[in-house]
Amino acid sequence: MRSIFKMPSDDLAGGGSRRVPIPIGGRTIMKSTAGTDTERLRADLKDYYGTGAFAGMPAMMTKVWDVDRKSDREVADLARREGFDLHKYRK
């Protein structure tokens, strides 16, 4: 049976924008980071974790460093898990 969802490897071969299936509430939708201001999102995540680091949780400093190493997709996923509203970061 052929899948109706494009996988990341399909996009890499075709040269299109990267879209991956994201499960949300029992259904799957397609998400892309193409229209997201990832630099501003990355800076806000570093600020969020840095505030925690200087408020008495020094282990949060490792998360600040990890944000720099992550890809745009990973940064968006991390921000979503932390409760950031990604609609505020649309270009």
PDB file of N, CA and C in Angstrom:
ATOM      1  N   MET A   1       0.840  -1.177   0.000  1.00  0.00           N
ATOM      2  CA  MET A   1       0.000   0.000   0.000  1.00  0.00           C
ATOM      3  C   MET A   1       0.887   1.243   0.000  1.00  0.00           C
ATOM      4  N   ARG A   2       0.556   2.183  -0.790  1.00  0.00           N
ATOM      5  CA  ARG A   2       1.343   3.401  -0.930  1.00  0.00           C
ATOM      6  C   ARG A   2       0.928   4.429   0.120  1.00  0.00           C
ATOM      7  N   SER A   3       1.902   5.039   0.764  1.00  0.00           N
ATOM      8  CA  SER A   3       1.629   6.020   1.808  1.00  0.00           C
ATOM      9  C   SER A   3       1.224   7.352   1.183  1.00  0.00           C
ATOM     10  N   ILE A   4       0.306   8.051   1.841  1.00  0.00           N
ATOM     11  CA  ILE A   4      -0.106   9.366   1.356  1.00  0.00           C
ATOM     12  C   ILE A   4       0.787  10.469   1.904  1.00  0.00           C
ATOM     13  N   PHE A   5       1.676  10.106   2.829  1.00  0.00           N
ATOM     14  CA  PHE A   5       2.562  11.087   3.445  1.00  0.00           C
ATOM     15  C   PHE A   5       3.944  11.021   2.835  1.00  0.00           C
ATOM     16  N   LYS A   6       4.543  12.192   2.626  1.00  0.00           N
ATOM     17  CA  LYS A   6       5.914  12.248   2.141  1.00  0.00           C
ATOM     18  C   LYS A   6       6.852  12.075   3.321  1.00  0.00           C
ATOM     19  N   MET A   7       7.873  11.314   3.135  1.00  0.00           N
ATOM     20  CA  MET A   7       8.873  11.116   4.171  1.00  0.00           C
ATOM     21  C   MET A   7      10.064  12.029   3.889  1.00  0.00           C
ATOM     22  N   PRO A   8      10.887  12.345   4.898  1.00  0.00           N
ATOM     23  CA  PRO A   8      12.032  13.238   4.685  1.00  0.00           C
ATOM     24  C   PRO A   8      12.956  12.772   3.564  1.00  0.00           C
ATOM     25  N   SER A   9      13.131  11.479   3.411  1.00  0.00           N
ATOM     26  CA  SER A   9      14.018  10.978   2.357  1.00  0.00           C
ATOM     27  C   SER A   9      13.450  11.289   0.980  1.00  0.00           C
ATOM     28  N   ASP A  10      12.106  11.330   0.821  1.00  0.00           N
ATOM     29  CA  ASP A  10      11.488  11.684  -0.452  1.00  0.00           C
ATOM     30  C   ASP A  10      11.829  13.114  -0.829  1.00  0.00           C
ATOM     31  N   ASP A  11      11.797  14.013   0.144  1.00  0.00           N
ATOM     32  CA  ASP A  11      12.090  15.413  -0.134  1.00  0.00           C
ATOM     33  C   ASP A  11      13.550  15.629  -0.477  1.00  0.00           C
ATOM     34  N   LEU A  12      14.432  14.890   0.170  1.00  0.00           N
ATOM     35  CA  LEU A  12      15.857  15.059  -0.118  1.00  0.00           C
ATOM     36  C   LEU A  12      16.167  14.644  -1.544  1.00  0.00           C
ATOM     37  N   ALA A  13      15.519  13.598  -2.006  1.00  0.00           N
ATOM     38  CA  ALA A  13      15.768  13.132  -3.363  1.00  0.00           C
ATOM     39  C   ALA A  13      15.172  14.088  -4.387  1.00  0.00           C
ATOM     40  N   GLY A  14      14.006  14.678  -4.069  1.00  0.00           N
ATOM     41  CA  GLY A  14      13.320  15.537  -5.021  1.00  0.00           C
ATOM     42  C   GLY A  14      13.748  16.985  -4.947  1.00  0.00           C
ATOM     43  N   GLY A  15      14.475  17.368  -3.924  1.00  0.00           N
ATOM     44  CA  GLY A  15      14.946  18.741  -3.804  1.00  0.00           C
ATOM     45  C   GLY A  15      13.888  19.711  -3.301  1.00  0.00           C
ATOM     46  N   GLY A  16      12.754  19.214  -2.805  1.00  0.00           N
ATOM     47  CA  GLY A  16      11.686  20.080  -2.317  1.00  0.00           C
ATOM     48  C   GLY A  16      11.942  20.527  -0.889  1.00  0.00           C
ATOM     49  N   SER A  17      10.963  21.245  -0.335  1.00  0.00           N
ATOM     50  CA  SER A  17      11.098  21.665   1.059  1.00  0.00           C
ATOM     51  C   SER A  17      10.935  20.448   1.958  1.00  0.00           C
ATOM     52  N   ARG A  18      11.512  20.495   3.112  1.00  0.00           N
ATOM     53  CA  ARG A  18      11.452  19.358   4.027  1.00  0.00           C
ATOM     54  C   ARG A  18      10.122  19.379   4.763  1.00  0.00           C
ATOM     55  N   ARG A  19       9.339  18.326   4.589  1.00  0.00           N
ATOM     56  CA  ARG A  19       8.060  18.180   5.272  1.00  0.00           C
ATOM     57  C   ARG A  19       8.023  16.800   5.889  1.00  0.00           C
ATOM     58  N   VAL A  20       7.624  16.742   7.130  1.00  0.00           N
ATOM     59  CA  VAL A  20       7.563  15.457   7.810  1.00  0.00           C
ATOM     60  C   VAL A  20       6.204  15.295   8.463  1.00  0.00           C
ATOM     61  N   PRO A  21       5.701  14.062   8.561  1.00  0.00           N
ATOM     62  CA  PRO A  21       4.421  13.852   9.230  1.00  0.00           C
ATOM     63  C   PRO A  21       4.553  14.042  10.736  1.00  0.00           C
ATOM     64  N   ILE A  22       3.634  14.785  11.325  1.00  0.00           N
ATOM     65  CA  ILE A  22       3.632  15.049  12.761  1.00  0.00           C
ATOM     66  C   ILE A  22       2.296  14.551  13.320  1.00  0.00           C
ATOM     67  N   PRO A  23       2.308  13.584  14.264  1.00  0.00           N
ATOM     68  CA  PRO A  23       1.046  13.137  14.849  1.00  0.00           C
ATOM     69  C   PRO A  23       0.505  14.167  15.837  1.00  0.00           C
ATOM     70  N   ILE A  24      -0.747  14.563  15.654  1.00  0.00           N
ATOM     71  CA  ILE A  24      -1.375  15.530  16.546  1.00  0.00           C
ATOM     72  C   ILE A  24      -2.786  15.038  16.854  1.00  0.00           C
ATOM     73  N   GLY A  25      -3.045  14.746  18.111  1.00  0.00           N
ATOM     74  CA  GLY A  25      -4.375  14.360  18.548  1.00  0.00           C
ATOM     75  C   GLY A  25      -4.977  13.192  17.790  1.00  0.00           C
ATOM     76  N   GLY A  26      -4.202  12.173  17.500  1.00  0.00           N
ATOM     77  CA  GLY A  26      -4.729  11.004  16.827  1.00  0.00           C
ATOM     78  C   GLY A  26      -4.746  11.105  15.314  1.00  0.00           C
ATOM     79  N   ARG A  27      -4.402  12.251  14.759  1.00  0.00           N
ATOM     80  CA  ARG A  27      -4.319  12.367  13.300  1.00  0.00           C
ATOM     81  C   ARG A  27      -2.947  12.907  12.945  1.00  0.00           C
ATOM     82  N   THR A  28      -2.571  12.763  11.726  1.00  0.00           N
ATOM     83  CA  THR A  28      -1.248  13.187  11.296  1.00  0.00           C
ATOM     84  C   THR A  28      -1.376  14.334  10.305  1.00  0.00           C
ATOM     85  N   ILE A  29      -0.618  15.402  10.543  1.00  0.00           N
ATOM     86  CA  ILE A  29      -0.603  16.533   9.625  1.00  0.00           C
ATOM     87  C   ILE A  29       0.820  16.745   9.141  1.00  0.00           C
ATOM     88  N   MET A  30       0.975  17.483   8.076  1.00  0.00           N
ATOM     89  CA  MET A  30       2.303  17.756   7.543  1.00  0.00           C
ATOM     90  C   MET A  30       2.775  19.114   8.050  1.00  0.00           C
ATOM     91  N   LYS A  31       4.001  19.161   8.542  1.00  0.00           N
ATOM     92  CA  LYS A  31       4.584  20.398   9.033  1.00  0.00           C
ATOM     93  C   LYS A  31       5.894  20.652   8.307  1.00  0.00           C
ATOM     94  N   SER A  32       6.198  21.908   8.082  1.00  0.00           N
ATOM     95  CA  SER A  32       7.440  22.308   7.445  1.00  0.00           C
ATOM     96  C   SER A  32       8.014  23.489   8.211  1.00  0.00           C
ATOM     97  N   THR A  33       9.325  23.624   8.222  1.00  0.00           N
ATOM     98  CA  THR A  33       9.947  24.775   8.881  1.00  0.00           C
ATOM     99  C   THR A  33      10.254  25.890   7.891  1.00  0.00           C
ATOM    100  N   ALA A  34       9.773  25.760   6.658  1.00  0.00           N
ATOM    101  CA  ALA A  34      10.115  26.726   5.613  1.00  0.00           C
ATOM    102  C   ALA A  34       9.666  28.144   5.955  1.00  0.00           C
ATOM    103  N   GLY A  35       8.496  28.327   6.588  1.00  0.00           N
ATOM    104  CA  GLY A  35       7.993  29.662   6.882  1.00  0.00           C
ATOM    105  C   GLY A  35       8.255  30.110   8.301  1.00  0.00           C
ATOM    106  N   THR A  36       9.179  29.463   8.996  1.00  0.00           N
ATOM    107  CA  THR A  36       9.443  29.767  10.404  1.00  0.00           C
ATOM    108  C   THR A  36      10.737  30.553  10.544  1.00  0.00           C
ATOM    109  N   ASP A  37      10.701  31.584  11.372  1.00  0.00           N
ATOM    110  CA  ASP A  37      11.904  32.368  11.664  1.00  0.00           C
ATOM    111  C   ASP A  37      12.714  31.600  12.713  1.00  0.00           C
ATOM    112  N   THR A  38      13.504  30.647  12.258  1.00  0.00           N
ATOM    113  CA  THR A  38      14.204  29.756  13.180  1.00  0.00           C
ATOM    114  C   THR A  38      15.314  30.463  13.947  1.00  0.00           C
ATOM    115  N   GLU A  39      15.879  31.514  13.404  1.00  0.00           N
ATOM    116  CA  GLU A  39      16.925  32.236  14.137  1.00  0.00           C
ATOM    117  C   GLU A  39      16.343  32.923  15.367  1.00  0.00           C
ATOM    118  N   ARG A  40      15.178  33.534  15.227  1.00  0.00           N
ATOM    119  CA  ARG A  40      14.522  34.181  16.363  1.00  0.00           C
ATOM    120  C   ARG A  40      14.045  33.128  17.363  1.00  0.00           C
ATOM    121  N   LEU A  41      13.528  32.015  16.848  1.00  0.00           N
ATOM    122  CA  LEU A  41      13.092  30.920  17.714  1.00  0.00           C
ATOM    123  C   LEU A  41      14.271  30.343  18.488  1.00  0.00           C
ATOM    124  N   ARG A  42      15.400  30.180  17.801  1.00  0.00           N
ATOM    125  CA  ARG A  42      16.614  29.668  18.444  1.00  0.00           C
ATOM    126  C   ARG A  42      17.077  30.623  19.547  1.00  0.00           C
ATOM    127  N   ALA A  43      17.045  31.916  19.275  1.00  0.00           N
ATOM    128  CA  ALA A  43      17.460  32.913  20.272  1.00  0.00           C
ATOM    129  C   ALA A  43      16.524  32.911  21.483  1.00  0.00           C
ATOM    130  N   ASP A  44      15.214  32.778  21.240  1.00  0.00           N
ATOM    131  CA  ASP A  44      14.264  32.748  22.346  1.00  0.00           C
ATOM    132  C   ASP A  44      14.413  31.482  23.182  1.00  0.00           C
ATOM    133  N   LEU A  45      14.703  30.354  22.548  1.00  0.00           N
ATOM    134  CA  LEU A  45      14.944  29.126  23.304  1.00  0.00           C
ATOM    135  C   LEU A  45      16.187  29.254  24.179  1.00  0.00           C
ATOM    136  N   LYS A  46      17.242  29.844  23.622  1.00  0.00           N
ATOM    137  CA  LYS A  46      18.469  30.034  24.403  1.00  0.00           C
ATOM    138  C   LYS A  46      18.212  30.975  25.579  1.00  0.00           C
ATOM    139  N   ASP A  47      17.404  31.992  25.363  1.00  0.00           N
ATOM    140  CA  ASP A  47      17.049  32.909  26.442  1.00  0.00           C
ATOM    141  C   ASP A  47      16.224  32.186  27.508  1.00  0.00           C
ATOM    142  N   TYR A  48      15.285  31.359  27.072  1.00  0.00           N
ATOM    143  CA  TYR A  48      14.435  30.588  27.984  1.00  0.00           C
ATOM    144  C   TYR A  48      15.272  29.657  28.850  1.00  0.00           C
ATOM    145  N   TYR A  49      16.177  28.904  28.231  1.00  0.00           N
ATOM    146  CA  TYR A  49      17.023  27.979  28.989  1.00  0.00           C
ATOM    147  C   TYR A  49      18.070  28.737  29.819  1.00  0.00           C
ATOM    148  N   GLY A  50      18.592  29.818  29.283  1.00  0.00           N
ATOM    149  CA  GLY A  50      19.586  30.604  30.017  1.00  0.00           C
ATOM    150  C   GLY A  50      19.009  31.209  31.279  1.00  0.00           C
ATOM    151  N   THR A  51      17.749  31.635  31.227  1.00  0.00           N
ATOM    152  CA  THR A  51      17.088  32.170  32.412  1.00  0.00           C
ATOM    153  C   THR A  51      17.003  31.101  33.492  1.00  0.00           C
ATOM    154  N   GLY A  52      16.674  29.876  33.080  1.00  0.00           N
ATOM    155  CA  GLY A  52      16.627  28.766  34.044  1.00  0.00           C
ATOM    156  C   GLY A  52      17.990  28.466  34.626  1.00  0.00           C
ATOM    157  N   ALA A  53      19.019  28.576  33.793  1.00  0.00           N
ATOM    158  CA  ALA A  53      20.386  28.283  34.253  1.00  0.00           C
ATOM    159  C   ALA A  53      20.834  29.281  35.323  1.00  0.00           C
ATOM    160  N   PHE A  54      20.499  30.543  35.141  1.00  0.00           N
ATOM    161  CA  PHE A  54      20.942  31.553  36.093  1.00  0.00           C
ATOM    162  C   PHE A  54      19.967  31.749  37.250  1.00  0.00           C
ATOM    163  N   ALA A  55      18.838  31.033  37.197  1.00  0.00           N
ATOM    164  CA  ALA A  55      17.870  31.106  38.299  1.00  0.00           C
ATOM    165  C   ALA A  55      18.065  29.967  39.284  1.00  0.00           C
ATOM    166  N   GLY A  56      19.161  29.257  39.166  1.00  0.00           N
ATOM    167  CA  GLY A  56      19.459  28.220  40.142  1.00  0.00           C
ATOM    168  C   GLY A  56      19.462  26.806  39.602  1.00  0.00           C
ATOM    169  N   MET A  57      19.322  26.642  38.277  1.00  0.00           N
ATOM    170  CA  MET A  57      19.371  25.309  37.669  1.00  0.00           C
ATOM    171  C   MET A  57      20.512  25.272  36.648  1.00  0.00           C
ATOM    172  N   PRO A  58      21.754  25.128  37.102  1.00  0.00           N
ATOM    173  CA  PRO A  58      22.893  25.199  36.187  1.00  0.00           C
ATOM    174  C   PRO A  58      22.893  24.122  35.099  1.00  0.00           C
ATOM    175  N   ALA A  59      22.183  23.016  35.317  1.00  0.00           N
ATOM    176  CA  ALA A  59      22.129  21.972  34.293  1.00  0.00           C
ATOM    177  C   ALA A  59      21.424  22.464  33.023  1.00  0.00           C
ATOM    178  N   MET A  60      20.643  23.519  33.131  1.00  0.00           N
ATOM    179  CA  MET A  60      19.958  24.075  31.965  1.00  0.00           C
ATOM    180  C   MET A  60      20.949  24.674  30.965  1.00  0.00           C
ATOM    181  N   MET A  61      22.153  24.986  31.419  1.00  0.00           N
ATOM    182  CA  MET A  61      23.156  25.560  30.520  1.00  0.00           C
ATOM    183  C   MET A  61      23.505  24.585  29.406  1.00  0.00           C
ATOM    184  N   THR A  62      23.442  23.298  29.663  1.00  0.00           N
ATOM    185  CA  THR A  62      23.722  22.322  28.599  1.00  0.00           C
ATOM    186  C   THR A  62      22.660  22.388  27.509  1.00  0.00           C
ATOM    187  N   LYS A  63      21.427  22.728  27.890  1.00  0.00           N
ATOM    188  CA  LYS A  63      20.366  22.875  26.890  1.00  0.00           C
ATOM    189  C   LYS A  63      20.610  24.102  26.024  1.00  0.00           C
ATOM    190  N   VAL A  64      21.175  25.157  26.618  1.00  0.00           N
ATOM    191  CA  VAL A  64      21.513  26.352  25.836  1.00  0.00           C
ATOM    192  C   VAL A  64      22.519  25.977  24.748  1.00  0.00           C
ATOM    193  N   TRP A  65      23.515  25.200  25.095  1.00  0.00           N
ATOM    194  CA  TRP A  65      24.533  24.778  24.119  1.00  0.00           C
ATOM    195  C   TRP A  65      23.946  23.830  23.084  1.00  0.00           C
ATOM    196  N   ASP A  66      23.016  22.974  23.502  1.00  0.00           N
ATOM    197  CA  ASP A  66      22.401  22.023  22.570  1.00  0.00           C
ATOM    198  C   ASP A  66      21.566  22.715  21.501  1.00  0.00           C
ATOM    199  N   VAL A  67      20.965  23.849  21.821  1.00  0.00           N
ATOM    200  CA  VAL A  67      20.142  24.569  20.850  1.00  0.00           C
ATOM    201  C   VAL A  67      20.980  24.963  19.636  1.00  0.00           C
ATOM    202  N   ASP A  68      22.235  25.351  19.855  1.00  0.00           N
ATOM    203  CA  ASP A  68      23.111  25.734  18.743  1.00  0.00           C
ATOM    204  C   ASP A  68      23.450  24.559  17.839  1.00  0.00           C
ATOM    205  N   ARG A  69      23.461  23.366  18.386  1.00  0.00           N
ATOM    206  CA  ARG A  69      23.851  22.187  17.609  1.00  0.00           C
ATOM    207  C   ARG A  69      22.694  21.553  16.846  1.00  0.00           C
ATOM    208  N   LYS A  70      21.474  21.918  17.167  1.00  0.00           N
ATOM    209  CA  LYS A  70      20.314  21.272  16.561  1.00  0.00           C
ATOM    210  C   LYS A  70      19.978  21.876  15.195  1.00  0.00           C
ATOM    211  N   SER A  71      19.363  21.046  14.342  1.00  0.00           N
ATOM    212  CA  SER A  71      18.896  21.524  13.039  1.00  0.00           C
ATOM    213  C   SER A  71      17.634  22.372  13.238  1.00  0.00           C
ATOM    214  N   ASP A  72      17.197  23.055  12.195  1.00  0.00           N
ATOM    215  CA  ASP A  72      16.001  23.881  12.275  1.00  0.00           C
ATOM    216  C   ASP A  72      14.785  23.041  12.671  1.00  0.00           C
ATOM    217  N   ARG A  73      14.659  21.852  12.115  1.00  0.00           N
ATOM    218  CA  ARG A  73      13.541  20.956  12.424  1.00  0.00           C
ATOM    219  C   ARG A  73      13.568  20.569  13.900  1.00  0.00           C
ATOM    220  N   GLU A  74      14.762  20.239  14.411  1.00  0.00           N
ATOM    221  CA  GLU A  74      14.896  19.848  15.811  1.00  0.00           C
ATOM    222  C   GLU A  74      14.598  21.014  16.753  1.00  0.00           C
ATOM    223  N   VAL A  75      14.992  22.222  16.356  1.00  0.00           N
ATOM    224  CA  VAL A  75      14.705  23.414  17.164  1.00  0.00           C
ATOM    225  C   VAL A  75      13.198  23.641  17.230  1.00  0.00           C
ATOM    226  N   ALA A  76      12.503  23.498  16.096  1.00  0.00           N
ATOM    227  CA  ALA A  76      11.048  23.672  16.083  1.00  0.00           C
ATOM    228  C   ALA A  76      10.366  22.615  16.949  1.00  0.00           C
ATOM    229  N   ASP A  77      10.823  21.376  16.872  1.00  0.00           N
ATOM    230  CA  ASP A  77      10.251  20.307  17.697  1.00  0.00           C
ATOM    231  C   ASP A  77      10.490  20.569  19.180  1.00  0.00           C
ATOM    232  N   LEU A  78      11.694  21.015  19.512  1.00  0.00           N
ATOM    233  CA  LEU A  78      12.029  21.316  20.899  1.00  0.00           C
ATOM    234  C   LEU A  78      11.157  22.456  21.429  1.00  0.00           C
ATOM    235  N   ALA A  79      10.992  23.499  20.633  1.00  0.00           N
ATOM    236  CA  ALA A  79      10.169  24.636  21.040  1.00  0.00           C
ATOM    237  C   ALA A  79       8.719  24.207  21.241  1.00  0.00           C
ATOM    238  N   ARG A  80       8.228  23.357  20.376  1.00  0.00           N
ATOM    239  CA  ARG A  80       6.858  22.858  20.502  1.00  0.00           C
ATOM    240  C   ARG A  80       6.693  22.073  21.809  1.00  0.00           C
ATOM    241  N   ARG A  81       7.691  21.237  22.131  1.00  0.00           N
ATOM    242  CA  ARG A  81       7.635  20.464  23.378  1.00  0.00           C
ATOM    243  C   ARG A  81       7.681  21.367  24.606  1.00  0.00           C
ATOM    244  N   GLU A  82       8.389  22.483  24.508  1.00  0.00           N
ATOM    245  CA  GLU A  82       8.502  23.413  25.635  1.00  0.00           C
ATOM    246  C   GLU A  82       7.301  24.351  25.748  1.00  0.00           C
ATOM    247  N   GLY A  83       6.376  24.267  24.806  1.00  0.00           N
ATOM    248  CA  GLY A  83       5.157  25.070  24.877  1.00  0.00           C
ATOM    249  C   GLY A  83       5.199  26.383  24.127  1.00  0.00           C
ATOM    250  N   PHE A  84       6.183  26.595  23.274  1.00  0.00           N
ATOM    251  CA  PHE A  84       6.251  27.819  22.487  1.00  0.00           C
ATOM    252  C   PHE A  84       5.152  27.799  21.427  1.00  0.00           C
ATOM    253  N   ASP A  85       4.567  28.962  21.136  1.00  0.00           N
ATOM    254  CA  ASP A  85       3.576  29.094  20.076  1.00  0.00           C
ATOM    255  C   ASP A  85       4.330  29.396  18.783  1.00  0.00           C
ATOM    256  N   LEU A  86       4.439  28.404  17.913  1.00  0.00           N
ATOM    257  CA  LEU A  86       5.222  28.572  16.693  1.00  0.00           C
ATOM    258  C   LEU A  86       4.576  29.527  15.682  1.00  0.00           C
ATOM    259  N   HIS A  87       3.300  29.843  15.870  1.00  0.00           N
ATOM    260  CA  HIS A  87       2.659  30.799  14.976  1.00  0.00           C
ATOM    261  C   HIS A  87       3.255  32.199  15.131  1.00  0.00           C
ATOM    262  N   LYS A  88       3.823  32.477  16.294  1.00  0.00           N
ATOM    263  CA  LYS A  88       4.461  33.784  16.530  1.00  0.00           C
ATOM    264  C   LYS A  88       5.767  33.918  15.753  1.00  0.00           C
ATOM    265  N   TYR A  89       6.286  32.816  15.254  1.00  0.00           N
ATOM    266  CA  TYR A  89       7.589  32.811  14.578  1.00  0.00           C
ATOM    267  C   TYR A  89       7.474  32.656  13.067  1.00  0.00           C
ATOM    268  N   ARG A  90       6.293  32.886  12.532  1.00  0.00           N
ATOM    269  CA  ARG A  90       6.122  32.819  11.081  1.00  0.00           C
ATOM    270  C   ARG A  90       6.742  34.032  10.436  1.00  0.00           C
ATOM    271  N   LYS A  91       7.357  33.825   9.292  1.00  0.00           N
ATOM    272  CA  LYS A  91       7.998  34.946   8.567  1.00  0.00           C
ATOM    273  C   LYS A  91       6.970  35.774   7.863  1.00  0.00           C
TER     274      LYS A  91
END
